Structure formats: structure tokens, C-alpha cells
Amino acid sequence: MHVIRMKNCAFFARHGVLDAEETLGQRFYVDAELTVEAGGALAEDRIDATVDYGVAFSVIQEIITGRRRYLIEALALEVAKALCQRFPPIVSAAITVRKPNAPVQGVLDYVEATVVWPQ
């Protein structure tokens, strides 16, 4: 096994419960921690037998910038499922979605949710 981590992938999107979140949009950040069955990919230096993180980034981007979701947890789950489906060597995917401008009455750096798939 090996682990591929993608940190702080940034996207502008329009997710959230409030109408203003859809109207204004904001930046979202995604971390992906992918546990991958090594197979022959490492020994043979074969990209086609592992996870191409350029393609993985595109999968994440398509989901995060796509259809509006009310919950960042739902976004994380959709990303995790899509990555596992796209790349069969992935044994598990831990996806974290961060929302720095969450509409709360208080001061915080961000709200984040992490989903692990399969559970």
C-alpha cells in the first residue's frame, strides 16, 4: 500500500444552506488522502496502475464546482465515491472539505468535514 495526499485544492463554488451562499459563492478547500494498493505500479513505475493525481484533481474540481450541495459532508462523500470509482487501486479515500466563510455568528478560521469511503 501507499498513500497519496492532495492538500488544499482550492475551488470557487456556491454550496450552503443559505440563498446568499449560492448568490455570492466562496472558496472551498479540499484535502484528499488516498490509500492505494501498490500492485506493480511502484516497482514497474507505471502511472496507469496507480492514481494519476492530475486526473484526480479534475474529478474533485468537477464535483466541487458542479451542482450545489447544502452540506459539505455531501460534497466530501461524492468526491470520495467518485475517486474510488475512477481509480480501482484506491482502497479508501478520506476527503476533507473546508469552508472558510461559513455563515456563523462568531469568529473561526473555517468549518470542515471529513468523510472516509468506503466506511
C-alpha atoms as a PDB file:
ATOM      1  CA  MET A   1       0.000   0.000   0.000  1.00  0.00           C
ATOM      2  CA  HIS A   2       0.950   3.607  -0.408  1.00  0.00           C
ATOM      3  CA  VAL A   3      -0.778   6.903   0.383  1.00  0.00           C
ATOM      4  CA  ILE A   4      -1.245   9.842  -1.954  1.00  0.00           C
ATOM      5  CA  ARG A   5      -2.183  13.136  -0.323  1.00  0.00           C
ATOM      6  CA  MET A   6      -3.507  16.174  -2.131  1.00  0.00           C
ATOM      7  CA  LYS A   7      -3.684  19.228   0.153  1.00  0.00           C
ATOM      8  CA  ASN A   8      -5.575  22.496  -0.110  1.00  0.00           C
ATOM      9  CA  CYS A   9      -7.062  22.048  -3.574  1.00  0.00           C
ATOM     10  CA  ALA A  10      -8.933  25.344  -3.986  1.00  0.00           C
ATOM     11  CA  PHE A  11     -12.158  25.943  -5.898  1.00  0.00           C
ATOM     12  CA  PHE A  12     -14.782  28.682  -6.145  1.00  0.00           C
ATOM     13  CA  ALA A  13     -18.291  27.275  -5.688  1.00  0.00           C
ATOM     14  CA  ARG A  14     -21.776  28.040  -4.402  1.00  0.00           C
ATOM     15  CA  HIS A  15     -22.602  25.483  -1.698  1.00  0.00           C
ATOM     16  CA  GLY A  16     -24.535  26.022   1.512  1.00  0.00           C
ATOM     17  CA  VAL A  17     -27.981  26.210   3.024  1.00  0.00           C
ATOM     18  CA  LEU A  18     -28.477  29.970   2.740  1.00  0.00           C
ATOM     19  CA  ASP A  19     -29.579  31.627  -0.509  1.00  0.00           C
ATOM     20  CA  ALA A  20     -26.803  34.207  -0.089  1.00  0.00           C
ATOM     21  CA  GLU A  21     -24.214  31.421  -0.226  1.00  0.00           C
ATOM     22  CA  GLU A  22     -25.494  30.408  -3.630  1.00  0.00           C
ATOM     23  CA  THR A  23     -25.665  34.007  -4.838  1.00  0.00           C
ATOM     24  CA  LEU A  24     -22.237  35.114  -3.616  1.00  0.00           C
ATOM     25  CA  GLY A  25     -20.294  31.861  -3.672  1.00  0.00           C
ATOM     26  CA  GLN A  26     -16.981  31.392  -1.932  1.00  0.00           C
ATOM     27  CA  ARG A  27     -13.757  29.450  -1.997  1.00  0.00           C
ATOM     28  CA  PHE A  28     -13.722  25.837  -0.799  1.00  0.00           C
ATOM     29  CA  TYR A  29     -10.622  23.798   0.001  1.00  0.00           C
ATOM     30  CA  VAL A  30     -10.303  20.036  -0.376  1.00  0.00           C
ATOM     31  CA  ASP A  31      -7.778  17.576   1.020  1.00  0.00           C
ATOM     32  CA  ALA A  32      -7.703  14.029  -0.326  1.00  0.00           C
ATOM     33  CA  GLU A  33      -5.860  11.191   1.376  1.00  0.00           C
ATOM     34  CA  LEU A  34      -5.959   8.159  -0.887  1.00  0.00           C
ATOM     35  CA  THR A  35      -4.787   4.761   0.332  1.00  0.00           C
ATOM     36  CA  VAL A  36      -3.764   2.840  -2.766  1.00  0.00           C
ATOM     37  CA  GLU A  37      -2.989  -0.823  -3.409  1.00  0.00           C
ATOM     38  CA  ALA A  38       0.528  -0.705  -4.809  1.00  0.00           C
ATOM     39  CA  GLY A  39       0.299  -3.727  -7.101  1.00  0.00           C
ATOM     40  CA  GLY A  40       3.025  -3.435  -9.713  1.00  0.00           C
ATOM     41  CA  ALA A  41       2.747   0.333 -10.079  1.00  0.00           C
ATOM     42  CA  LEU A  42       5.671   1.234  -7.837  1.00  0.00           C
ATOM     43  CA  ALA A  43       8.094  -1.497  -8.855  1.00  0.00           C
ATOM     44  CA  GLU A  44       7.321  -1.006 -12.539  1.00  0.00           C
ATOM     45  CA  ASP A  45       6.948   2.798 -12.376  1.00  0.00           C
ATOM     46  CA  ARG A  46       3.553   2.656 -14.153  1.00  0.00           C
ATOM     47  CA  ILE A  47       1.139   5.577 -13.864  1.00  0.00           C
ATOM     48  CA  ASP A  48      -1.649   3.528 -15.440  1.00  0.00           C
ATOM     49  CA  ALA A  49      -1.573   1.141 -12.441  1.00  0.00           C
ATOM     50  CA  THR A  50      -1.976   3.796  -9.745  1.00  0.00           C
ATOM     51  CA  VAL A  51      -3.677   7.188  -9.246  1.00  0.00           C
ATOM     52  CA  ASP A  52      -2.883   9.988 -11.670  1.00  0.00           C
ATOM     53  CA  TYR A  53      -3.264  12.950  -9.332  1.00  0.00           C
ATOM     54  CA  GLY A  54      -3.780  15.357 -12.235  1.00  0.00           C
ATOM     55  CA  VAL A  55      -6.860  13.360 -13.218  1.00  0.00           C
ATOM     56  CA  ALA A  56      -7.854  13.052  -9.535  1.00  0.00           C
ATOM     57  CA  PHE A  57      -7.731  16.848  -9.235  1.00  0.00           C
ATOM     58  CA  SER A  58     -10.047  17.145 -12.243  1.00  0.00           C
ATOM     59  CA  VAL A  59     -12.512  14.689 -10.675  1.00  0.00           C
ATOM     60  CA  ILE A  60     -12.542  16.739  -7.466  1.00  0.00           C
ATOM     61  CA  GLN A  61     -12.894  20.011  -9.379  1.00  0.00           C
ATOM     62  CA  GLU A  62     -15.846  18.771 -11.416  1.00  0.00           C
ATOM     63  CA  ILE A  63     -17.770  17.817  -8.279  1.00  0.00           C
ATOM     64  CA  ILE A  64     -16.892  20.850  -6.146  1.00  0.00           C
ATOM     65  CA  THR A  65     -17.640  23.352  -8.900  1.00  0.00           C
ATOM     66  CA  GLY A  66     -20.721  21.451 -10.069  1.00  0.00           C
ATOM     67  CA  ARG A  67     -24.219  21.121  -8.671  1.00  0.00           C
ATOM     68  CA  ARG A  68     -24.976  22.992  -5.428  1.00  0.00           C
ATOM     69  CA  ARG A  69     -24.971  20.980  -2.208  1.00  0.00           C
ATOM     70  CA  TYR A  70     -26.307  22.137   1.143  1.00  0.00           C
ATOM     71  CA  LEU A  71     -23.793  20.077   3.126  1.00  0.00           C
ATOM     72  CA  ILE A  72     -20.028  19.988   2.742  1.00  0.00           C
ATOM     73  CA  GLU A  73     -20.284  16.419   4.065  1.00  0.00           C
ATOM     74  CA  ALA A  74     -22.315  15.504   0.992  1.00  0.00           C
ATOM     75  CA  LEU A  75     -19.617  17.041  -1.218  1.00  0.00           C
ATOM     76  CA  ALA A  76     -16.899  15.059   0.551  1.00  0.00           C
ATOM     77  CA  LEU A  77     -18.817  11.807   0.165  1.00  0.00           C
ATOM     78  CA  GLU A  78     -19.448  12.393  -3.528  1.00  0.00           C
ATOM     79  CA  VAL A  79     -15.755  13.132  -4.124  1.00  0.00           C
ATOM     80  CA  ALA A  80     -14.664  10.026  -2.218  1.00  0.00           C
ATOM     81  CA  LYS A  81     -17.042   7.761  -4.144  1.00  0.00           C
ATOM     82  CA  ALA A  82     -16.070   9.269  -7.500  1.00  0.00           C
ATOM     83  CA  LEU A  83     -12.342   8.850  -6.867  1.00  0.00           C
ATOM     84  CA  CYS A  84     -12.772   5.234  -5.741  1.00  0.00           C
ATOM     85  CA  GLN A  85     -14.849   4.508  -8.832  1.00  0.00           C
ATOM     86  CA  ARG A  86     -12.404   6.232 -11.199  1.00  0.00           C
ATOM     87  CA  PHE A  87      -9.313   4.567  -9.731  1.00  0.00           C
ATOM     88  CA  PRO A  88      -9.830   0.898  -8.768  1.00  0.00           C
ATOM     89  CA  PRO A  89      -6.460   0.693  -6.925  1.00  0.00           C
ATOM     90  CA  ILE A  90      -7.820   3.086  -4.256  1.00  0.00           C
ATOM     91  CA  VAL A  91      -8.612   1.047  -1.135  1.00  0.00           C
ATOM     92  CA  SER A  92     -10.004   4.015   0.800  1.00  0.00           C
ATOM     93  CA  ALA A  93     -10.389   7.748   0.350  1.00  0.00           C
ATOM     94  CA  ALA A  94     -10.501  10.273   3.191  1.00  0.00           C
ATOM     95  CA  ILE A  95     -11.841  13.554   1.814  1.00  0.00           C
ATOM     96  CA  THR A  96     -11.933  16.796   3.792  1.00  0.00           C
ATOM     97  CA  VAL A  97     -13.864  19.828   2.558  1.00  0.00           C
ATOM     98  CA  ARG A  98     -13.146  23.180   4.231  1.00  0.00           C
ATOM     99  CA  LYS A  99     -15.420  26.183   4.118  1.00  0.00           C
ATOM    100  CA  PRO A 100     -13.590  29.274   5.412  1.00  0.00           C
ATOM    101  CA  ASN A 101     -16.523  31.686   5.248  1.00  0.00           C
ATOM    102  CA  ALA A 102     -19.182  29.625   6.976  1.00  0.00           C
ATOM    103  CA  PRO A 103     -22.147  31.824   7.931  1.00  0.00           C
ATOM    104  CA  VAL A 104     -21.888  31.585  11.716  1.00  0.00           C
ATOM    105  CA  GLN A 105     -22.162  34.350  14.274  1.00  0.00           C
ATOM    106  CA  GLY A 106     -18.671  34.157  15.645  1.00  0.00           C
ATOM    107  CA  VAL A 107     -15.036  34.112  14.719  1.00  0.00           C
ATOM    108  CA  LEU A 108     -13.486  30.966  13.286  1.00  0.00           C
ATOM    109  CA  ASP A 109     -10.901  30.020  10.698  1.00  0.00           C
ATOM    110  CA  TYR A 110     -13.105  27.545   8.867  1.00  0.00           C
ATOM    111  CA  VAL A 111     -15.570  24.700   9.150  1.00  0.00           C
ATOM    112  CA  GLU A 112     -14.509  21.353   7.749  1.00  0.00           C
ATOM    113  CA  ALA A 113     -15.986  17.909   7.324  1.00  0.00           C
ATOM    114  CA  THR A 114     -14.127  14.682   6.607  1.00  0.00           C
ATOM    115  CA  VAL A 115     -15.668  11.575   5.067  1.00  0.00           C
ATOM    116  CA  VAL A 116     -13.931   8.213   4.643  1.00  0.00           C
ATOM    117  CA  TRP A 117     -15.090   5.871   1.867  1.00  0.00           C
ATOM    118  CA  PRO A 118     -15.669   3.035   1.988  1.00  0.00           C
ATOM    119  CA  GLN A 119     -16.657   3.203   5.632  1.00  0.00           C
END
